[in-house]
Amino acid sequence: MTQQTRAAKEDQLLEAATHLFKEKGYHSTSMQELAEALGMQKGSLYYYIDSKEELLRRLMERATSFMTNQIDEIYGTDLPPAKKLRWALENHAATMMENLDLVAVYLHEYRNLPPDRLAEALAVRKHYEQVLMQIVEDGIACGEFRSVNVKMAVFGMLGMLNWTHQWFSPDGPFSSQEVAATLAELAMHGLTRQPDS
């Protein structure tokens, strides 16, 4: 088996695990069900993966990489804080809606990681949140944003964006990009300073 063929089969396995973990939950999904979803014998799964726990770990790594792969790049640009934040929020929302099953698995199952892997996942998430908080703090410092509780503001914005996995439909009237832009606009209006009336 070539490396390319193996990688393709592993990707199929991760996709099947994402779907089953979302539909049935991590604990209720058996390796036999995963094998059947791929049309292979249960024993053949272990050629590609050591355990169901490893599958969950790899799905969590995939999810966090999707969510965090641009945040440091965004922060490192010379853009003003408001533009950085809009870019980050739109990227976050679009990524959520373009990976609905994986996001659902991440949000509902990450606590099932073993302690060391859970600590790693939480550290990645904390870094992401802290960069967003720094962008908001920079915006307050330069006068683009009004003075707010930064942690509350960031968690509130993330909560609004993360909830899209519960209601967004790819078959709906608006694309993920359109919804992302609308939600980012709503979030930004909660922060931007209004001219004195």
N, C-alpha and C. Protein backbone atom coordinates (compact mmCIF):
# COMPACT_ATOMS: atom_id res chain seq x y z
N MET A 1 0.85 -1.20 0.00
CA MET A 1 0.00 0.00 0.00
C MET A 1 0.88 1.25 0.00
N THR A 2 0.60 2.14 -0.90
CA THR A 2 1.40 3.36 -0.98
C THR A 2 1.04 4.30 0.17
N GLN A 3 1.95 5.24 0.42
CA GLN A 3 1.71 6.22 1.48
C GLN A 3 0.47 7.05 1.16
N GLN A 4 0.27 7.35 -0.11
CA GLN A 4 -0.89 8.14 -0.52
C GLN A 4 -2.19 7.38 -0.29
N THR A 5 -2.18 6.09 -0.60
CA THR A 5 -3.37 5.26 -0.38
C THR A 5 -3.69 5.14 1.11
N ARG A 6 -2.64 4.94 1.89
CA ARG A 6 -2.84 4.84 3.35
C ARG A 6 -3.41 6.15 3.90
N ALA A 7 -2.86 7.28 3.45
CA ALA A 7 -3.35 8.57 3.93
C ALA A 7 -4.81 8.79 3.56
N ALA A 8 -5.18 8.36 2.35
CA ALA A 8 -6.57 8.50 1.92
C ALA A 8 -7.48 7.65 2.78
N LYS A 9 -7.06 6.42 3.10
CA LYS A 9 -7.88 5.54 3.94
C LYS A 9 -7.99 6.09 5.37
N GLU A 10 -6.91 6.64 5.88
CA GLU A 10 -6.96 7.24 7.21
C GLU A 10 -7.91 8.43 7.23
N ASP A 11 -7.91 9.21 6.16
CA ASP A 11 -8.83 10.34 6.07
C ASP A 11 -10.27 9.86 6.04
N GLN A 12 -10.54 8.78 5.30
CA GLN A 12 -11.89 8.21 5.28
C GLN A 12 -12.30 7.73 6.67
N LEU A 13 -11.36 7.15 7.40
CA LEU A 13 -11.64 6.69 8.75
C LEU A 13 -11.98 7.86 9.67
N LEU A 14 -11.24 8.94 9.56
CA LEU A 14 -11.51 10.12 10.38
C LEU A 14 -12.87 10.73 10.04
N GLU A 15 -13.23 10.73 8.75
CA GLU A 15 -14.53 11.24 8.35
C GLU A 15 -15.65 10.37 8.90
N ALA A 16 -15.48 9.05 8.82
CA ALA A 16 -16.50 8.13 9.36
C ALA A 16 -16.63 8.29 10.86
N ALA A 17 -15.50 8.43 11.55
CA ALA A 17 -15.53 8.61 13.00
C ALA A 17 -16.21 9.93 13.36
N THR A 18 -15.94 10.96 12.60
CA THR A 18 -16.58 12.26 12.85
C THR A 18 -18.09 12.12 12.77
N HIS A 19 -18.58 11.46 11.73
CA HIS A 19 -20.02 11.31 11.54
C HIS A 19 -20.64 10.46 12.65
N LEU A 20 -20.02 9.34 12.97
CA LEU A 20 -20.59 8.44 13.99
C LEU A 20 -20.51 9.05 15.39
N PHE A 21 -19.40 9.69 15.71
CA PHE A 21 -19.29 10.32 17.03
C PHE A 21 -20.33 11.43 17.18
N LYS A 22 -20.61 12.14 16.10
CA LYS A 22 -21.63 13.19 16.17
C LYS A 22 -23.02 12.58 16.37
N GLU A 23 -23.31 11.52 15.60
CA GLU A 23 -24.66 10.93 15.65
C GLU A 23 -24.91 10.12 16.90
N LYS A 24 -23.91 9.36 17.35
CA LYS A 24 -24.12 8.41 18.46
C LYS A 24 -23.38 8.78 19.74
N GLY A 25 -22.38 9.65 19.61
CA GLY A 25 -21.52 9.95 20.75
C GLY A 25 -20.29 9.05 20.74
N TYR A 26 -19.23 9.55 21.32
CA TYR A 26 -17.96 8.82 21.34
C TYR A 26 -18.10 7.48 22.05
N HIS A 27 -18.67 7.47 23.26
CA HIS A 27 -18.74 6.24 24.04
C HIS A 27 -19.67 5.21 23.42
N SER A 28 -20.69 5.65 22.69
CA SER A 28 -21.68 4.73 22.13
C SER A 28 -21.30 4.20 20.76
N THR A 29 -20.21 4.70 20.21
CA THR A 29 -19.76 4.23 18.90
C THR A 29 -18.74 3.12 19.09
N SER A 30 -18.96 1.99 18.43
CA SER A 30 -18.02 0.86 18.55
C SER A 30 -17.08 0.82 17.36
N MET A 31 -15.95 0.16 17.55
CA MET A 31 -15.01 -0.03 16.46
C MET A 31 -15.65 -0.87 15.35
N GLN A 32 -16.55 -1.78 15.72
CA GLN A 32 -17.25 -2.58 14.71
C GLN A 32 -18.09 -1.68 13.80
N GLU A 33 -18.75 -0.69 14.39
CA GLU A 33 -19.56 0.23 13.58
C GLU A 33 -18.67 1.06 12.65
N LEU A 34 -17.52 1.44 13.15
CA LEU A 34 -16.59 2.18 12.30
C LEU A 34 -16.12 1.32 11.13
N ALA A 35 -15.82 0.05 11.41
CA ALA A 35 -15.39 -0.86 10.35
C ALA A 35 -16.50 -1.04 9.31
N GLU A 36 -17.73 -1.21 9.78
CA GLU A 36 -18.84 -1.40 8.85
C GLU A 36 -19.06 -0.16 7.99
N ALA A 37 -18.88 1.01 8.59
CA ALA A 37 -19.07 2.25 7.83
C ALA A 37 -18.06 2.36 6.69
N LEU A 38 -16.90 1.73 6.85
CA LEU A 38 -15.85 1.78 5.84
C LEU A 38 -15.82 0.54 4.96
N GLY A 39 -16.72 -0.44 5.26
CA GLY A 39 -16.75 -1.66 4.47
C GLY A 39 -15.53 -2.53 4.64
N MET A 40 -15.00 -2.59 5.87
CA MET A 40 -13.82 -3.41 6.12
C MET A 40 -14.02 -4.23 7.39
N GLN A 41 -13.13 -5.18 7.60
CA GLN A 41 -13.16 -5.98 8.81
C GLN A 41 -12.66 -5.15 9.99
N LYS A 42 -13.21 -5.44 11.17
CA LYS A 42 -12.82 -4.68 12.36
C LYS A 42 -11.31 -4.73 12.59
N GLY A 43 -10.72 -5.90 12.40
CA GLY A 43 -9.29 -6.04 12.63
C GLY A 43 -8.45 -5.17 11.71
N SER A 44 -8.99 -4.89 10.52
CA SER A 44 -8.24 -4.07 9.56
C SER A 44 -8.12 -2.62 10.01
N LEU A 45 -9.04 -2.17 10.87
CA LEU A 45 -8.97 -0.79 11.37
C LEU A 45 -7.65 -0.52 12.07
N TYR A 46 -7.14 -1.55 12.76
CA TYR A 46 -5.96 -1.34 13.60
C TYR A 46 -4.68 -1.22 12.77
N TYR A 47 -4.80 -1.41 11.47
CA TYR A 47 -3.67 -1.11 10.60
C TYR A 47 -3.50 0.40 10.46
N TYR A 48 -4.61 1.12 10.63
CA TYR A 48 -4.61 2.57 10.44
C TYR A 48 -4.67 3.35 11.74
N ILE A 49 -5.14 2.73 12.78
CA ILE A 49 -5.35 3.45 14.04
C ILE A 49 -5.14 2.48 15.20
N ASP A 50 -4.58 2.93 16.31
CA ASP A 50 -4.31 2.05 17.43
C ASP A 50 -5.54 1.79 18.29
N SER A 51 -6.41 2.79 18.40
CA SER A 51 -7.54 2.67 19.31
C SER A 51 -8.58 3.73 19.00
N LYS A 52 -9.75 3.56 19.58
CA LYS A 52 -10.79 4.58 19.42
C LYS A 52 -10.35 5.89 20.09
N GLU A 53 -9.62 5.77 21.18
CA GLU A 53 -9.09 6.97 21.85
C GLU A 53 -8.17 7.76 20.94
N GLU A 54 -7.35 7.05 20.15
CA GLU A 54 -6.47 7.75 19.21
C GLU A 54 -7.29 8.48 18.14
N LEU A 55 -8.38 7.85 17.71
CA LEU A 55 -9.27 8.51 16.75
C LEU A 55 -9.79 9.82 17.32
N LEU A 56 -10.25 9.79 18.56
CA LEU A 56 -10.75 11.01 19.19
C LEU A 56 -9.65 12.06 19.28
N ARG A 57 -8.46 11.64 19.66
CA ARG A 57 -7.34 12.58 19.76
C ARG A 57 -7.06 13.24 18.42
N ARG A 58 -7.04 12.44 17.36
CA ARG A 58 -6.75 13.00 16.04
C ARG A 58 -7.86 13.93 15.55
N LEU A 59 -9.08 13.60 15.90
CA LEU A 59 -10.18 14.50 15.53
C LEU A 59 -10.08 15.82 16.29
N MET A 60 -9.70 15.76 17.56
CA MET A 60 -9.56 16.98 18.34
C MET A 60 -8.41 17.84 17.80
N GLU A 61 -7.32 17.18 17.39
CA GLU A 61 -6.19 17.93 16.80
C GLU A 61 -6.62 18.59 15.49
N ARG A 62 -7.39 17.86 14.69
CA ARG A 62 -7.87 18.43 13.43
C ARG A 62 -8.76 19.64 13.69
N ALA A 63 -9.65 19.50 14.67
CA ALA A 63 -10.58 20.60 14.97
C ALA A 63 -9.82 21.84 15.45
N THR A 64 -8.88 21.66 16.37
CA THR A 64 -8.17 22.81 16.91
C THR A 64 -7.27 23.45 15.85
N SER A 65 -6.73 22.64 14.94
CA SER A 65 -5.89 23.22 13.90
C SER A 65 -6.74 24.07 12.95
N PHE A 66 -7.95 23.60 12.65
CA PHE A 66 -8.85 24.40 11.82
C PHE A 66 -9.15 25.74 12.48
N MET A 67 -9.37 25.72 13.78
CA MET A 67 -9.80 26.92 14.48
C MET A 67 -8.66 27.90 14.72
N THR A 68 -7.46 27.39 14.89
CA THR A 68 -6.38 28.26 15.36
C THR A 68 -5.30 28.56 14.32
N ASN A 69 -5.40 27.98 13.13
CA ASN A 69 -4.27 28.07 12.21
C ASN A 69 -4.00 29.48 11.70
N GLN A 70 -4.96 30.39 11.86
CA GLN A 70 -4.73 31.74 11.33
C GLN A 70 -4.64 32.82 12.41
N ILE A 71 -4.95 32.49 13.65
CA ILE A 71 -5.09 33.54 14.65
C ILE A 71 -3.78 34.30 14.88
N ASP A 72 -2.65 33.60 14.93
CA ASP A 72 -1.37 34.28 15.14
C ASP A 72 -0.98 35.10 13.92
N GLU A 73 -1.30 34.57 12.73
CA GLU A 73 -1.04 35.33 11.50
C GLU A 73 -1.85 36.63 11.49
N ILE A 74 -3.11 36.54 11.88
CA ILE A 74 -3.97 37.72 11.92
C ILE A 74 -3.40 38.75 12.90
N TYR A 75 -3.04 38.28 14.09
CA TYR A 75 -2.53 39.21 15.10
C TYR A 75 -1.23 39.87 14.66
N GLY A 76 -0.43 39.13 13.90
CA GLY A 76 0.88 39.65 13.49
C GLY A 76 0.85 40.65 12.36
N THR A 77 -0.31 40.88 11.78
CA THR A 77 -0.39 41.86 10.69
C THR A 77 -0.32 43.29 11.22
N ASP A 78 -0.19 44.24 10.33
CA ASP A 78 -0.17 45.66 10.69
C ASP A 78 -1.55 46.29 10.65
N LEU A 79 -2.58 45.47 10.51
CA LEU A 79 -3.94 46.01 10.46
C LEU A 79 -4.33 46.62 11.80
N PRO A 80 -5.23 47.59 11.80
CA PRO A 80 -5.75 48.11 13.07
C PRO A 80 -6.57 47.02 13.78
N PRO A 81 -6.71 47.14 15.10
CA PRO A 81 -7.40 46.09 15.87
C PRO A 81 -8.80 45.74 15.35
N ALA A 82 -9.57 46.73 14.92
CA ALA A 82 -10.92 46.45 14.45
C ALA A 82 -10.91 45.54 13.23
N LYS A 83 -9.97 45.76 12.32
CA LYS A 83 -9.90 44.91 11.13
C LYS A 83 -9.37 43.52 11.48
N LYS A 84 -8.42 43.47 12.41
CA LYS A 84 -7.94 42.16 12.88
C LYS A 84 -9.09 41.36 13.49
N LEU A 85 -9.87 42.03 14.32
CA LEU A 85 -10.94 41.32 15.01
C LEU A 85 -12.01 40.85 14.02
N ARG A 86 -12.37 41.69 13.08
CA ARG A 86 -13.38 41.29 12.09
C ARG A 86 -12.89 40.08 11.30
N TRP A 87 -11.63 40.12 10.88
CA TRP A 87 -11.05 39.00 10.13
C TRP A 87 -11.09 37.73 10.98
N ALA A 88 -10.67 37.84 12.23
CA ALA A 88 -10.64 36.67 13.11
C ALA A 88 -12.04 36.11 13.34
N LEU A 89 -13.02 36.97 13.56
CA LEU A 89 -14.37 36.51 13.82
C LEU A 89 -15.00 35.87 12.58
N GLU A 90 -14.79 36.49 11.43
CA GLU A 90 -15.34 35.90 10.20
C GLU A 90 -14.69 34.55 9.91
N ASN A 91 -13.37 34.47 10.11
CA ASN A 91 -12.67 33.21 9.90
C ASN A 91 -13.18 32.14 10.85
N HIS A 92 -13.38 32.51 12.11
CA HIS A 92 -13.87 31.57 13.12
C HIS A 92 -15.25 31.05 12.73
N ALA A 93 -16.16 31.96 12.42
CA ALA A 93 -17.53 31.56 12.11
C ALA A 93 -17.60 30.71 10.85
N ALA A 94 -16.88 31.12 9.80
CA ALA A 94 -16.91 30.35 8.55
C ALA A 94 -16.33 28.95 8.76
N THR A 95 -15.24 28.86 9.53
CA THR A 95 -14.64 27.56 9.80
C THR A 95 -15.62 26.67 10.55
N MET A 96 -16.32 27.23 11.51
CA MET A 96 -17.32 26.46 12.26
C MET A 96 -18.37 25.88 11.31
N MET A 97 -18.90 26.72 10.43
CA MET A 97 -20.01 26.30 9.58
C MET A 97 -19.57 25.39 8.44
N GLU A 98 -18.31 25.46 8.07
CA GLU A 98 -17.80 24.60 7.00
C GLU A 98 -17.32 23.25 7.53
N ASN A 99 -17.34 23.06 8.84
CA ASN A 99 -16.92 21.80 9.47
C ASN A 99 -17.89 21.43 10.59
N LEU A 100 -19.18 21.43 10.27
CA LEU A 100 -20.23 21.30 11.29
C LEU A 100 -20.09 20.04 12.13
N ASP A 101 -19.90 18.90 11.48
CA ASP A 101 -19.83 17.64 12.24
C ASP A 101 -18.60 17.62 13.14
N LEU A 102 -17.47 18.03 12.61
CA LEU A 102 -16.24 18.02 13.39
C LEU A 102 -16.34 18.98 14.57
N VAL A 103 -16.91 20.14 14.36
CA VAL A 103 -17.08 21.11 15.44
C VAL A 103 -18.00 20.54 16.52
N ALA A 104 -19.08 19.89 16.11
CA ALA A 104 -20.00 19.30 17.08
C ALA A 104 -19.29 18.24 17.92
N VAL A 105 -18.48 17.41 17.28
CA VAL A 105 -17.72 16.39 18.02
C VAL A 105 -16.76 17.07 19.00
N TYR A 106 -16.06 18.09 18.53
CA TYR A 106 -15.12 18.79 19.40
C TYR A 106 -15.82 19.37 20.62
N LEU A 107 -16.92 20.09 20.41
CA LEU A 107 -17.59 20.77 21.50
C LEU A 107 -18.20 19.81 22.51
N HIS A 108 -18.63 18.64 22.03
CA HIS A 108 -19.32 17.69 22.93
C HIS A 108 -18.42 16.60 23.49
N GLU A 109 -17.29 16.33 22.84
CA GLU A 109 -16.51 15.16 23.23
C GLU A 109 -15.11 15.45 23.74
N TYR A 110 -14.65 16.71 23.70
CA TYR A 110 -13.25 16.97 24.05
C TYR A 110 -12.92 16.55 25.48
N ARG A 111 -13.93 16.56 26.36
CA ARG A 111 -13.67 16.18 27.76
C ARG A 111 -13.35 14.69 27.90
N ASN A 112 -13.60 13.90 26.87
CA ASN A 112 -13.29 12.47 26.92
C ASN A 112 -11.85 12.15 26.57
N LEU A 113 -11.06 13.18 26.24
CA LEU A 113 -9.64 12.96 26.02
C LEU A 113 -8.97 12.54 27.32
N PRO A 114 -7.89 11.75 27.24
CA PRO A 114 -7.13 11.45 28.45
C PRO A 114 -6.53 12.74 29.01
N PRO A 115 -6.21 12.78 30.30
CA PRO A 115 -5.81 14.04 30.95
C PRO A 115 -4.70 14.81 30.24
N ASP A 116 -3.66 14.11 29.75
CA ASP A 116 -2.56 14.84 29.11
C ASP A 116 -3.00 15.46 27.79
N ARG A 117 -3.81 14.73 27.02
CA ARG A 117 -4.29 15.26 25.75
C ARG A 117 -5.32 16.38 25.97
N LEU A 118 -6.13 16.22 27.02
CA LEU A 118 -7.09 17.27 27.34
C LEU A 118 -6.36 18.56 27.70
N ALA A 119 -5.29 18.44 28.49
CA ALA A 119 -4.52 19.62 28.87
C ALA A 119 -3.95 20.31 27.63
N GLU A 120 -3.48 19.53 26.66
CA GLU A 120 -2.94 20.11 25.43
C GLU A 120 -4.03 20.85 24.66
N ALA A 121 -5.21 20.22 24.53
CA ALA A 121 -6.31 20.83 23.79
C ALA A 121 -6.76 22.13 24.46
N LEU A 122 -6.82 22.11 25.79
CA LEU A 122 -7.25 23.30 26.51
C LEU A 122 -6.21 24.41 26.41
N ALA A 123 -4.94 24.03 26.35
CA ALA A 123 -3.89 25.05 26.20
C ALA A 123 -3.98 25.73 24.84
N VAL A 124 -4.29 24.97 23.80
CA VAL A 124 -4.45 25.55 22.46
C VAL A 124 -5.64 26.51 22.46
N ARG A 125 -6.75 26.08 23.08
CA ARG A 125 -7.94 26.93 23.13
C ARG A 125 -7.67 28.20 23.93
N LYS A 126 -6.95 28.06 25.04
CA LYS A 126 -6.65 29.23 25.86
C LYS A 126 -5.80 30.23 25.09
N HIS A 127 -4.82 29.74 24.33
CA HIS A 127 -3.98 30.63 23.53
C HIS A 127 -4.84 31.40 22.54
N TYR A 128 -5.75 30.70 21.88
CA TYR A 128 -6.64 31.31 20.90
C TYR A 128 -7.46 32.42 21.55
N GLU A 129 -8.05 32.12 22.70
CA GLU A 129 -8.86 33.11 23.41
C GLU A 129 -8.01 34.30 23.84
N GLN A 130 -6.79 34.04 24.29
CA GLN A 130 -5.93 35.13 24.76
C GLN A 130 -5.52 36.06 23.63
N VAL A 131 -5.31 35.51 22.43
CA VAL A 131 -4.97 36.37 21.29
C VAL A 131 -6.16 37.26 20.96
N LEU A 132 -7.37 36.69 20.97
CA LEU A 132 -8.56 37.52 20.72
C LEU A 132 -8.69 38.60 21.79
N MET A 133 -8.43 38.24 23.04
CA MET A 133 -8.51 39.24 24.11
C MET A 133 -7.48 40.34 23.91
N GLN A 134 -6.29 39.98 23.42
CA GLN A 134 -5.26 40.98 23.19
C GLN A 134 -5.68 41.94 22.08
N ILE A 135 -6.34 41.40 21.05
CA ILE A 135 -6.82 42.27 19.97
C ILE A 135 -7.84 43.27 20.51
N VAL A 136 -8.74 42.79 21.36
CA VAL A 136 -9.74 43.69 21.95
C VAL A 136 -9.07 44.72 22.85
N GLU A 137 -8.10 44.28 23.66
CA GLU A 137 -7.39 45.22 24.53
C GLU A 137 -6.66 46.28 23.70
N ASP A 138 -6.05 45.85 22.60
CA ASP A 138 -5.36 46.82 21.72
C ASP A 138 -6.35 47.83 21.16
N GLY A 139 -7.54 47.33 20.79
CA GLY A 139 -8.56 48.22 20.25
C GLY A 139 -9.07 49.22 21.26
N ILE A 140 -9.17 48.80 22.52
CA ILE A 140 -9.58 49.73 23.58
C ILE A 140 -8.47 50.77 23.80
N ALA A 141 -7.24 50.29 23.81
CA ALA A 141 -6.11 51.19 24.08
C ALA A 141 -5.97 52.28 23.01
N CYS A 142 -6.28 51.95 21.77
CA CYS A 142 -6.11 52.95 20.71
C CYS A 142 -7.40 53.72 20.43
N GLY A 143 -8.46 53.40 21.17
CA GLY A 143 -9.69 54.16 21.03
C GLY A 143 -10.67 53.65 19.99
N GLU A 144 -10.36 52.52 19.35
CA GLU A 144 -11.29 51.96 18.37
C GLU A 144 -12.50 51.30 19.05
N PHE A 145 -12.24 50.69 20.20
CA PHE A 145 -13.29 50.00 20.93
C PHE A 145 -13.58 50.74 22.23
N ARG A 146 -14.82 50.64 22.66
CA ARG A 146 -15.15 51.23 23.95
C ARG A 146 -14.64 50.33 25.06
N SER A 147 -14.56 50.87 26.25
CA SER A 147 -14.04 50.11 27.38
C SER A 147 -15.07 49.08 27.83
N VAL A 148 -14.69 47.81 27.79
CA VAL A 148 -15.58 46.71 28.19
C VAL A 148 -14.77 45.71 29.00
N ASN A 149 -15.48 44.78 29.63
CA ASN A 149 -14.81 43.64 30.25
C ASN A 149 -14.34 42.75 29.10
N VAL A 150 -13.03 42.69 28.89
CA VAL A 150 -12.48 42.04 27.70
C VAL A 150 -12.80 40.55 27.67
N LYS A 151 -12.62 39.87 28.78
CA LYS A 151 -12.87 38.43 28.81
C LYS A 151 -14.34 38.14 28.52
N MET A 152 -15.23 38.90 29.13
CA MET A 152 -16.65 38.69 28.90
C MET A 152 -17.01 38.95 27.44
N ALA A 153 -16.43 40.00 26.87
CA ALA A 153 -16.71 40.34 25.47
C ALA A 153 -16.27 39.22 24.54
N VAL A 154 -15.07 38.70 24.75
CA VAL A 154 -14.55 37.65 23.87
C VAL A 154 -15.36 36.36 24.03
N PHE A 155 -15.64 35.98 25.26
CA PHE A 155 -16.42 34.76 25.47
C PHE A 155 -17.84 34.91 24.89
N GLY A 156 -18.39 36.11 25.00
CA GLY A 156 -19.72 36.34 24.44
C GLY A 156 -19.71 36.21 22.92
N MET A 157 -18.69 36.78 22.28
CA MET A 157 -18.59 36.68 20.82
C MET A 157 -18.38 35.23 20.38
N LEU A 158 -17.49 34.52 21.07
CA LEU A 158 -17.24 33.12 20.71
C LEU A 158 -18.49 32.27 20.92
N GLY A 159 -19.23 32.56 21.98
CA GLY A 159 -20.46 31.81 22.23
C GLY A 159 -21.45 31.99 21.08
N MET A 160 -21.58 33.21 20.60
CA MET A 160 -22.49 33.47 19.49
C MET A 160 -22.04 32.74 18.23
N LEU A 161 -20.75 32.77 17.95
CA LEU A 161 -20.23 32.12 16.75
C LEU A 161 -20.27 30.61 16.87
N ASN A 162 -19.94 30.08 18.04
CA ASN A 162 -19.91 28.63 18.21
C ASN A 162 -21.30 28.00 18.09
N TRP A 163 -22.32 28.77 18.43
CA TRP A 163 -23.68 28.22 18.41
C TRP A 163 -24.16 27.96 16.99
N THR A 164 -23.45 28.47 16.00
CA THR A 164 -23.88 28.24 14.62
C THR A 164 -23.95 26.75 14.29
N HIS A 165 -23.16 25.93 14.99
CA HIS A 165 -23.19 24.50 14.67
C HIS A 165 -24.54 23.87 15.01
N GLN A 166 -25.36 24.58 15.79
CA GLN A 166 -26.68 24.06 16.15
C GLN A 166 -27.75 24.44 15.13
N TRP A 167 -27.55 25.50 14.38
CA TRP A 167 -28.64 25.96 13.52
C TRP A 167 -28.28 26.19 12.06
N PHE A 168 -26.99 26.34 11.75
CA PHE A 168 -26.64 26.64 10.36
C PHE A 168 -26.84 25.41 9.48
N SER A 169 -27.40 25.62 8.30
CA SER A 169 -27.57 24.55 7.32
C SER A 169 -26.89 24.96 6.02
N PRO A 170 -26.01 24.10 5.48
CA PRO A 170 -25.39 24.41 4.19
C PRO A 170 -26.42 24.55 3.07
N ASP A 171 -27.60 23.98 3.26
CA ASP A 171 -28.66 24.07 2.26
C ASP A 171 -29.56 25.27 2.46
N GLY A 172 -29.27 26.09 3.46
CA GLY A 172 -30.09 27.26 3.75
C GLY A 172 -29.89 28.37 2.75
N PRO A 173 -30.58 29.49 2.94
CA PRO A 173 -30.53 30.58 1.96
C PRO A 173 -29.25 31.39 1.98
N PHE A 174 -28.44 31.25 3.04
CA PHE A 174 -27.22 32.05 3.15
C PHE A 174 -26.00 31.14 3.24
N SER A 175 -24.92 31.56 2.60
CA SER A 175 -23.68 30.79 2.65
C SER A 175 -23.00 30.99 4.01
N SER A 176 -22.04 30.12 4.28
CA SER A 176 -21.28 30.27 5.53
C SER A 176 -20.58 31.62 5.57
N GLN A 177 -20.07 32.09 4.44
CA GLN A 177 -19.38 33.37 4.40
C GLN A 177 -20.33 34.53 4.68
N GLU A 178 -21.54 34.44 4.15
CA GLU A 178 -22.53 35.50 4.40
C GLU A 178 -22.94 35.54 5.87
N VAL A 179 -23.17 34.37 6.45
CA VAL A 179 -23.54 34.32 7.87
C VAL A 179 -22.38 34.82 8.72
N ALA A 180 -21.16 34.40 8.39
CA ALA A 180 -19.98 34.82 9.14
C ALA A 180 -19.84 36.34 9.14
N ALA A 181 -20.05 36.95 7.98
CA ALA A 181 -19.94 38.40 7.88
C ALA A 181 -21.00 39.10 8.71
N THR A 182 -22.22 38.56 8.69
CA THR A 182 -23.30 39.16 9.47
C THR A 182 -23.03 39.06 10.97
N LEU A 183 -22.59 37.90 11.43
CA LEU A 183 -22.33 37.71 12.85
C LEU A 183 -21.15 38.56 13.31
N ALA A 184 -20.12 38.65 12.47
CA ALA A 184 -18.98 39.50 12.82
C ALA A 184 -19.42 40.95 12.93
N GLU A 185 -20.29 41.37 12.03
CA GLU A 185 -20.80 42.74 12.07
C GLU A 185 -21.56 43.00 13.36
N LEU A 186 -22.39 42.05 13.77
CA LEU A 186 -23.14 42.20 15.02
C LEU A 186 -22.19 42.31 16.21
N ALA A 187 -21.18 41.45 16.21
CA ALA A 187 -20.21 41.47 17.32
C ALA A 187 -19.44 42.79 17.34
N MET A 188 -19.04 43.25 16.19
CA MET A 188 -18.26 44.48 16.11
C MET A 188 -19.06 45.68 16.60
N HIS A 189 -20.34 45.72 16.29
CA HIS A 189 -21.16 46.85 16.72
C HIS A 189 -21.29 46.90 18.24
N GLY A 190 -21.10 45.76 18.90
CA GLY A 190 -21.13 45.77 20.35
C GLY A 190 -19.87 46.36 20.97
N LEU A 191 -18.82 46.48 20.17
CA LEU A 191 -17.55 46.97 20.68
C LEU A 191 -17.17 48.37 20.21
N THR A 192 -17.55 48.70 18.99
CA THR A 192 -17.07 49.96 18.43
C THR A 192 -17.63 51.16 19.17
N ARG A 193 -16.79 52.17 19.28
CA ARG A 193 -17.20 53.40 19.94
C ARG A 193 -18.19 54.14 19.04
N GLN A 194 -19.21 54.67 19.66
CA GLN A 194 -20.19 55.48 18.93
C GLN A 194 -19.84 56.94 19.10
N PRO A 195 -20.07 57.74 18.04
CA PRO A 195 -19.80 59.19 18.19
C PRO A 195 -20.69 59.79 19.27
N ASP A 196 -20.15 60.72 20.00
CA ASP A 196 -20.93 61.36 21.05
C ASP A 196 -22.14 62.06 20.44
N SER A 197 -23.30 61.79 21.04
CA SER A 197 -24.52 62.41 20.53
C SER A 197 -24.82 63.69 21.28
